[in-house]
């Protein structure tokens, strides 16, 4: 079984974290979209704002780089 299919059967905490990240991504997207529509600043576009917010979350939470990309291998 390759890594993709093995990750589908992850433990409950990993599934909960993945679901939380998905919900956070969608919420940040719509928040950035709303802010951009209201203020029309280039850095508020969802394409720029959401990755920046995620980077701030990862740095603030002190998540190590190998742990952040652990499922990417």
PDB file of N, CA and C in Angstrom:
ATOM      1  N   UNK A   1       0.855  -1.176   0.000  1.00  0.00           N
ATOM      2  CA  UNK A   1       0.000   0.000   0.000  1.00  0.00           C
ATOM      3  C   UNK A   1       0.902   1.240   0.000  1.00  0.00           C
ATOM      4  N   UNK A   2       0.685   2.157  -0.922  1.00  0.00           N
ATOM      5  CA  UNK A   2       1.539   3.336  -0.969  1.00  0.00           C
ATOM      6  C   UNK A   2       1.171   4.329   0.128  1.00  0.00           C
ATOM      7  N   UNK A   3       1.974   5.391   0.216  1.00  0.00           N
ATOM      8  CA  UNK A   3       1.822   6.347   1.313  1.00  0.00           C
ATOM      9  C   UNK A   3       0.475   7.067   1.273  1.00  0.00           C
ATOM     10  N   UNK A   4      -0.051   7.355   0.097  1.00  0.00           N
ATOM     11  CA  UNK A   4      -1.330   8.058   0.004  1.00  0.00           C
ATOM     12  C   UNK A   4      -2.446   7.258   0.656  1.00  0.00           C
ATOM     13  N   UNK A   5      -2.529   5.984   0.328  1.00  0.00           N
ATOM     14  CA  UNK A   5      -3.594   5.167   0.899  1.00  0.00           C
ATOM     15  C   UNK A   5      -3.374   4.927   2.379  1.00  0.00           C
ATOM     16  N   UNK A   6      -2.132   4.853   2.812  1.00  0.00           N
ATOM     17  CA  UNK A   6      -1.864   4.695   4.240  1.00  0.00           C
ATOM     18  C   UNK A   6      -2.309   5.935   5.006  1.00  0.00           C
ATOM     19  N   UNK A   7      -2.160   7.122   4.396  1.00  0.00           N
ATOM     20  CA  UNK A   7      -2.559   8.342   5.086  1.00  0.00           C
ATOM     21  C   UNK A   7      -4.084   8.464   5.182  1.00  0.00           C
ATOM     22  N   UNK A   8      -4.817   7.773   4.337  1.00  0.00           N
ATOM     23  CA  UNK A   8      -6.280   7.799   4.437  1.00  0.00           C
ATOM     24  C   UNK A   8      -6.768   7.103   5.702  1.00  0.00           C
ATOM     25  N   UNK A   9      -5.967   6.190   6.209  1.00  0.00           N
ATOM     26  CA  UNK A   9      -6.342   5.444   7.401  1.00  0.00           C
ATOM     27  C   UNK A   9      -5.559   5.935   8.611  1.00  0.00           C
ATOM     28  N   UNK A  10      -5.341   7.232   8.703  1.00  0.00           N
ATOM     29  CA  UNK A  10      -4.596   7.822   9.810  1.00  0.00           C
ATOM     30  C   UNK A  10      -5.425   7.747  11.088  1.00  0.00           C
ATOM     31  N   UNK A  11      -4.756   7.992  12.198  1.00  0.00           N
ATOM     32  CA  UNK A  11      -5.462   7.949  13.476  1.00  0.00           C
ATOM     33  C   UNK A  11      -6.425   9.129  13.592  1.00  0.00           C
ATOM     34  N   UNK A  12      -7.265   9.090  14.619  1.00  0.00           N
ATOM     35  CA  UNK A  12      -8.315  10.095  14.770  1.00  0.00           C
ATOM     36  C   UNK A  12      -7.769  11.504  14.966  1.00  0.00           C
ATOM     37  N   UNK A  13      -6.665  11.644  15.703  1.00  0.00           N
ATOM     38  CA  UNK A  13      -6.131  12.985  15.939  1.00  0.00           C
ATOM     39  C   UNK A  13      -5.626  13.604  14.643  1.00  0.00           C
ATOM     40  N   UNK A  14      -4.999  12.814  13.782  1.00  0.00           N
ATOM     41  CA  UNK A  14      -4.518  13.336  12.504  1.00  0.00           C
ATOM     42  C   UNK A  14      -5.695  13.758  11.622  1.00  0.00           C
ATOM     43  N   UNK A  15      -6.761  12.985  11.636  1.00  0.00           N
ATOM     44  CA  UNK A  15      -7.951  13.345  10.847  1.00  0.00           C
ATOM     45  C   UNK A  15      -8.591  14.615  11.389  1.00  0.00           C
ATOM     46  N   UNK A  16      -8.599  14.773  12.705  1.00  0.00           N
ATOM     47  CA  UNK A  16      -9.175  15.964  13.317  1.00  0.00           C
ATOM     48  C   UNK A  16      -8.346  17.200  12.968  1.00  0.00           C
ATOM     49  N   UNK A  17      -7.030  17.074  13.011  1.00  0.00           N
ATOM     50  CA  UNK A  17      -6.158  18.187  12.654  1.00  0.00           C
ATOM     51  C   UNK A  17      -6.339  18.548  11.179  1.00  0.00           C
ATOM     52  N   UNK A  18      -6.422  17.548  10.319  1.00  0.00           N
ATOM     53  CA  UNK A  18      -6.618  17.800   8.887  1.00  0.00           C
ATOM     54  C   UNK A  18      -7.950  18.494   8.631  1.00  0.00           C
ATOM     55  N   UNK A  19      -8.999  18.057   9.309  1.00  0.00           N
ATOM     56  CA  UNK A  19     -10.308  18.690   9.145  1.00  0.00           C
ATOM     57  C   UNK A  19     -10.279  20.129   9.654  1.00  0.00           C
ATOM     58  N   UNK A  20      -9.602  20.352  10.766  1.00  0.00           N
ATOM     59  CA  UNK A  20      -9.472  21.711  11.304  1.00  0.00           C
ATOM     60  C   UNK A  20      -8.721  22.624  10.362  1.00  0.00           C
ATOM     61  N   UNK A  21      -7.663  22.111   9.743  1.00  0.00           N
ATOM     62  CA  UNK A  21      -6.904  22.909   8.782  1.00  0.00           C
ATOM     63  C   UNK A  21      -7.741  23.243   7.554  1.00  0.00           C
ATOM     64  N   UNK A  22      -8.546  22.304   7.124  1.00  0.00           N
ATOM     65  CA  UNK A  22      -9.429  22.564   5.978  1.00  0.00           C
ATOM     66  C   UNK A  22     -10.436  23.660   6.309  1.00  0.00           C
ATOM     67  N   UNK A  23     -11.063  23.561   7.472  1.00  0.00           N
ATOM     68  CA  UNK A  23     -12.038  24.567   7.885  1.00  0.00           C
ATOM     69  C   UNK A  23     -11.357  25.930   8.048  1.00  0.00           C
ATOM     70  N   UNK A  24     -10.151  25.934   8.624  1.00  0.00           N
ATOM     71  CA  UNK A  24      -9.410  27.180   8.785  1.00  0.00           C
ATOM     72  C   UNK A  24      -9.054  27.798   7.439  1.00  0.00           C
ATOM     73  N   UNK A  25      -8.678  26.981   6.486  1.00  0.00           N
ATOM     74  CA  UNK A  25      -8.347  27.480   5.149  1.00  0.00           C
ATOM     75  C   UNK A  25      -9.558  28.141   4.501  1.00  0.00           C
ATOM     76  N   UNK A  26     -10.695  27.493   4.573  1.00  0.00           N
ATOM     77  CA  UNK A  26     -11.918  28.048   3.966  1.00  0.00           C
ATOM     78  C   UNK A  26     -12.331  29.333   4.686  1.00  0.00           C
ATOM     79  N   UNK A  27     -12.248  29.330   6.012  1.00  0.00           N
ATOM     80  CA  UNK A  27     -12.618  30.527   6.778  1.00  0.00           C
ATOM     81  C   UNK A  27     -11.683  31.690   6.467  1.00  0.00           C
ATOM     82  N   UNK A  28     -10.390  31.410   6.403  1.00  0.00           N
ATOM     83  CA  UNK A  28      -9.430  32.475   6.065  1.00  0.00           C
ATOM     84  C   UNK A  28      -9.651  32.993   4.649  1.00  0.00           C
ATOM     85  N   UNK A  29      -9.985  32.106   3.733  1.00  0.00           N
ATOM     86  CA  UNK A  29     -10.244  32.524   2.354  1.00  0.00           C
ATOM     87  C   UNK A  29     -11.406  33.515   2.297  1.00  0.00           C
ATOM     88  N   UNK A  30     -12.518  33.160   2.941  1.00  0.00           N
ATOM     89  CA  UNK A  30     -13.682  34.040   2.881  1.00  0.00           C
ATOM     90  C   UNK A  30     -13.453  35.332   3.658  1.00  0.00           C
ATOM     91  N   UNK A  31     -12.683  35.281   4.740  1.00  0.00           N
ATOM     92  CA  UNK A  31     -12.357  36.503   5.477  1.00  0.00           C
ATOM     93  C   UNK A  31     -11.492  37.425   4.618  1.00  0.00           C
ATOM     94  N   UNK A  32     -10.482  36.853   3.951  1.00  0.00           N
ATOM     95  CA  UNK A  32      -9.624  37.662   3.082  1.00  0.00           C
ATOM     96  C   UNK A  32     -10.416  38.216   1.899  1.00  0.00           C
ATOM     97  N   UNK A  33     -11.324  37.414   1.368  1.00  0.00           N
ATOM     98  CA  UNK A  33     -12.153  37.868   0.249  1.00  0.00           C
ATOM     99  C   UNK A  33     -13.037  39.041   0.681  1.00  0.00           C
ATOM    100  N   UNK A  34     -13.596  38.944   1.865  1.00  0.00           N
ATOM    101  CA  UNK A  34     -14.436  40.022   2.394  1.00  0.00           C
ATOM    102  C   UNK A  34     -13.601  41.285   2.646  1.00  0.00           C
ATOM    103  N   UNK A  35     -12.427  41.125   3.246  1.00  0.00           N
ATOM    104  CA  UNK A  35     -11.565  42.277   3.509  1.00  0.00           C
ATOM    105  C   UNK A  35     -11.095  42.931   2.212  1.00  0.00           C
ATOM    106  N   UNK A  36     -10.768  42.114   1.219  1.00  0.00           N
ATOM    107  CA  UNK A  36     -10.323  42.662  -0.062  1.00  0.00           C
ATOM    108  C   UNK A  36     -11.455  43.432  -0.744  1.00  0.00           C
ATOM    109  N   UNK A  37     -12.668  42.914  -0.678  1.00  0.00           N
ATOM    110  CA  UNK A  37     -13.802  43.611  -1.286  1.00  0.00           C
ATOM    111  C   UNK A  37     -14.068  44.945  -0.597  1.00  0.00           C
ATOM    112  N   UNK A  38     -13.790  44.998   0.693  1.00  0.00           N
ATOM    113  CA  UNK A  38     -14.058  46.227   1.434  1.00  0.00           C
ATOM    114  C   UNK A  38     -12.942  47.266   1.295  1.00  0.00           C
ATOM    115  N   UNK A  39     -11.671  46.835   1.364  1.00  0.00           N
ATOM    116  CA  UNK A  39     -10.559  47.780   1.403  1.00  0.00           C
ATOM    117  C   UNK A  39      -9.736  47.847   0.113  1.00  0.00           C
ATOM    118  N   UNK A  40      -9.834  46.869  -0.767  1.00  0.00           N
ATOM    119  CA  UNK A  40      -9.137  46.845  -2.061  1.00  0.00           C
ATOM    120  C   UNK A  40      -7.630  47.108  -1.941  1.00  0.00           C
ATOM    121  N   UNK A  41      -6.977  46.378  -1.065  1.00  0.00           N
ATOM    122  CA  UNK A  41      -5.521  46.435  -0.942  1.00  0.00           C
ATOM    123  C   UNK A  41      -4.954  45.149  -1.536  1.00  0.00           C
ATOM    124  N   UNK A  42      -3.880  45.226  -2.317  1.00  0.00           N
ATOM    125  CA  UNK A  42      -3.353  44.033  -2.987  1.00  0.00           C
ATOM    126  C   UNK A  42      -2.920  42.923  -2.021  1.00  0.00           C
ATOM    127  N   UNK A  43      -2.430  43.288  -0.850  1.00  0.00           N
ATOM    128  CA  UNK A  43      -1.976  42.265   0.094  1.00  0.00           C
ATOM    129  C   UNK A  43      -3.130  41.577   0.810  1.00  0.00           C
ATOM    130  N   UNK A  44      -4.351  42.031   0.604  1.00  0.00           N
ATOM    131  CA  UNK A  44      -5.517  41.376   1.205  1.00  0.00           C
ATOM    132  C   UNK A  44      -6.169  40.357   0.273  1.00  0.00           C
ATOM    133  N   UNK A  45      -5.610  40.165  -0.924  1.00  0.00           N
ATOM    134  CA  UNK A  45      -6.170  39.150  -1.805  1.00  0.00           C
ATOM    135  C   UNK A  45      -5.994  37.782  -1.151  1.00  0.00           C
ATOM    136  N   UNK A  46      -6.951  36.895  -1.293  1.00  0.00           N
ATOM    137  CA  UNK A  46      -6.840  35.577  -0.651  1.00  0.00           C
ATOM    138  C   UNK A  46      -5.595  34.801  -1.073  1.00  0.00           C
ATOM    139  N   UNK A  47      -5.141  35.009  -2.299  1.00  0.00           N
ATOM    140  CA  UNK A  47      -3.956  34.307  -2.779  1.00  0.00           C
ATOM    141  C   UNK A  47      -2.705  34.690  -1.992  1.00  0.00           C
ATOM    142  N   UNK A  48      -2.649  35.903  -1.490  1.00  0.00           N
ATOM    143  CA  UNK A  48      -1.510  36.351  -0.694  1.00  0.00           C
ATOM    144  C   UNK A  48      -1.765  36.257   0.808  1.00  0.00           C
ATOM    145  N   UNK A  49      -2.949  36.609   1.241  1.00  0.00           N
ATOM    146  CA  UNK A  49      -3.232  36.715   2.670  1.00  0.00           C
ATOM    147  C   UNK A  49      -3.280  35.358   3.371  1.00  0.00           C
ATOM    148  N   UNK A  50      -3.900  34.367   2.771  1.00  0.00           N
ATOM    149  CA  UNK A  50      -4.058  33.070   3.438  1.00  0.00           C
ATOM    150  C   UNK A  50      -2.711  32.369   3.683  1.00  0.00           C
ATOM    151  N   UNK A  51      -1.815  32.282   2.699  1.00  0.00           N
ATOM    152  CA  UNK A  51      -0.514  31.666   2.997  1.00  0.00           C
ATOM    153  C   UNK A  51       0.291  32.437   4.036  1.00  0.00           C
ATOM    154  N   UNK A  52       0.178  33.754   4.040  1.00  0.00           N
ATOM    155  CA  UNK A  52       0.898  34.541   5.044  1.00  0.00           C
ATOM    156  C   UNK A  52       0.362  34.237   6.433  1.00  0.00           C
ATOM    157  N   UNK A  53      -0.938  34.152   6.572  1.00  0.00           N
ATOM    158  CA  UNK A  53      -1.531  33.837   7.874  1.00  0.00           C
ATOM    159  C   UNK A  53      -1.118  32.432   8.314  1.00  0.00           C
ATOM    160  N   UNK A  54      -1.112  31.469   7.399  1.00  0.00           N
ATOM    161  CA  UNK A  54      -0.657  30.124   7.752  1.00  0.00           C
ATOM    162  C   UNK A  54       0.812  30.115   8.169  1.00  0.00           C
ATOM    163  N   UNK A  55       1.639  30.886   7.483  1.00  0.00           N
ATOM    164  CA  UNK A  55       3.054  30.959   7.862  1.00  0.00           C
ATOM    165  C   UNK A  55       3.205  31.550   9.259  1.00  0.00           C
ATOM    166  N   UNK A  56       2.421  32.568   9.563  1.00  0.00           N
ATOM    167  CA  UNK A  56       2.464  33.160  10.901  1.00  0.00           C
ATOM    168  C   UNK A  56       2.022  32.141  11.956  1.00  0.00           C
ATOM    169  N   UNK A  57       1.000  31.371  11.649  1.00  0.00           N
ATOM    170  CA  UNK A  57       0.536  30.344  12.590  1.00  0.00           C
ATOM    171  C   UNK A  57       1.619  29.302  12.828  1.00  0.00           C
ATOM    172  N   UNK A  58       2.266  28.844  11.770  1.00  0.00           N
ATOM    173  CA  UNK A  58       3.311  27.818  11.906  1.00  0.00           C
ATOM    174  C   UNK A  58       4.499  28.358  12.694  1.00  0.00           C
ATOM    175  N   UNK A  59       4.905  29.594  12.419  1.00  0.00           N
ATOM    176  CA  UNK A  59       6.044  30.182  13.131  1.00  0.00           C
ATOM    177  C   UNK A  59       5.681  30.453  14.587  1.00  0.00           C
ATOM    178  N   UNK A  60       4.495  30.968  14.829  1.00  0.00           N
ATOM    179  CA  UNK A  60       4.071  31.272  16.192  1.00  0.00           C
ATOM    180  C   UNK A  60       3.926  30.006  17.029  1.00  0.00           C
ATOM    181  N   UNK A  61       3.415  28.952  16.425  1.00  0.00           N
ATOM    182  CA  UNK A  61       3.237  27.683  17.138  1.00  0.00           C
ATOM    183  C   UNK A  61       4.544  26.904  17.260  1.00  0.00           C
ATOM    184  N   UNK A  62       5.604  27.400  16.608  1.00  0.00           N
ATOM    185  CA  UNK A  62       6.929  26.764  16.636  1.00  0.00           C
ATOM    186  C   UNK A  62       6.882  25.322  16.144  1.00  0.00           C
ATOM    187  N   UNK A  63       6.174  25.139  15.049  1.00  0.00           N
ATOM    188  CA  UNK A  63       6.099  23.820  14.431  1.00  0.00           C
ATOM    189  C   UNK A  63       7.344  23.625  13.588  1.00  0.00           C
ATOM    190  N   UNK A  64       8.144  22.586  13.856  1.00  0.00           N
ATOM    191  CA  UNK A  64       9.366  22.372  13.075  1.00  0.00           C
ATOM    192  C   UNK A  64       9.039  22.066  11.605  1.00  0.00           C
ATOM    193  N   UNK A  65       9.930  22.504  10.733  1.00  0.00           N
ATOM    194  CA  UNK A  65       9.741  22.310   9.297  1.00  0.00           C
ATOM    195  C   UNK A  65       9.517  20.844   8.930  1.00  0.00           C
ATOM    196  N   UNK A  66      10.315  19.886   9.439  1.00  0.00           N
ATOM    197  CA  UNK A  66      10.079  18.484   9.075  1.00  0.00           C
ATOM    198  C   UNK A  66       8.707  17.964   9.547  1.00  0.00           C
ATOM    199  N   UNK A  67       8.236  18.476  10.671  1.00  0.00           N
ATOM    200  CA  UNK A  67       6.928  18.028  11.167  1.00  0.00           C
ATOM    201  C   UNK A  67       5.819  18.605  10.296  1.00  0.00           C
ATOM    202  N   UNK A  68       5.969  19.863   9.882  1.00  0.00           N
ATOM    203  CA  UNK A  68       4.953  20.511   9.049  1.00  0.00           C
ATOM    204  C   UNK A  68       4.764  19.782   7.726  1.00  0.00           C
ATOM    205  N   UNK A  69       5.883  19.283   7.159  1.00  0.00           N
ATOM    206  CA  UNK A  69       5.826  18.596   5.876  1.00  0.00           C
ATOM    207  C   UNK A  69       5.971  17.079   6.027  1.00  0.00           C
ATOM    208  N   UNK A  70       5.658  16.537   7.173  1.00  0.00           N
ATOM    209  CA  UNK A  70       5.851  15.104   7.419  1.00  0.00           C
ATOM    210  C   UNK A  70       5.006  14.254   6.499  1.00  0.00           C
ATOM    211  N   UNK A  71       3.812  14.691   6.156  1.00  0.00           N
ATOM    212  CA  UNK A  71       2.929  13.875   5.325  1.00  0.00           C
ATOM    213  C   UNK A  71       3.192  14.070   3.834  1.00  0.00           C
ATOM    214  N   UNK A  72       4.130  14.932   3.476  1.00  0.00           N
ATOM    215  CA  UNK A  72       4.400  15.224   2.082  1.00  0.00           C
ATOM    216  C   UNK A  72       5.349  14.211   1.431  1.00  0.00           C
ATOM    217  N   UNK A  73       5.956  13.351   2.195  1.00  0.00           N
ATOM    218  CA  UNK A  73       6.925  12.399   1.634  1.00  0.00           C
ATOM    219  C   UNK A  73       6.279  11.245   0.963  1.00  0.00           C
TER     220      UNK A  73
END
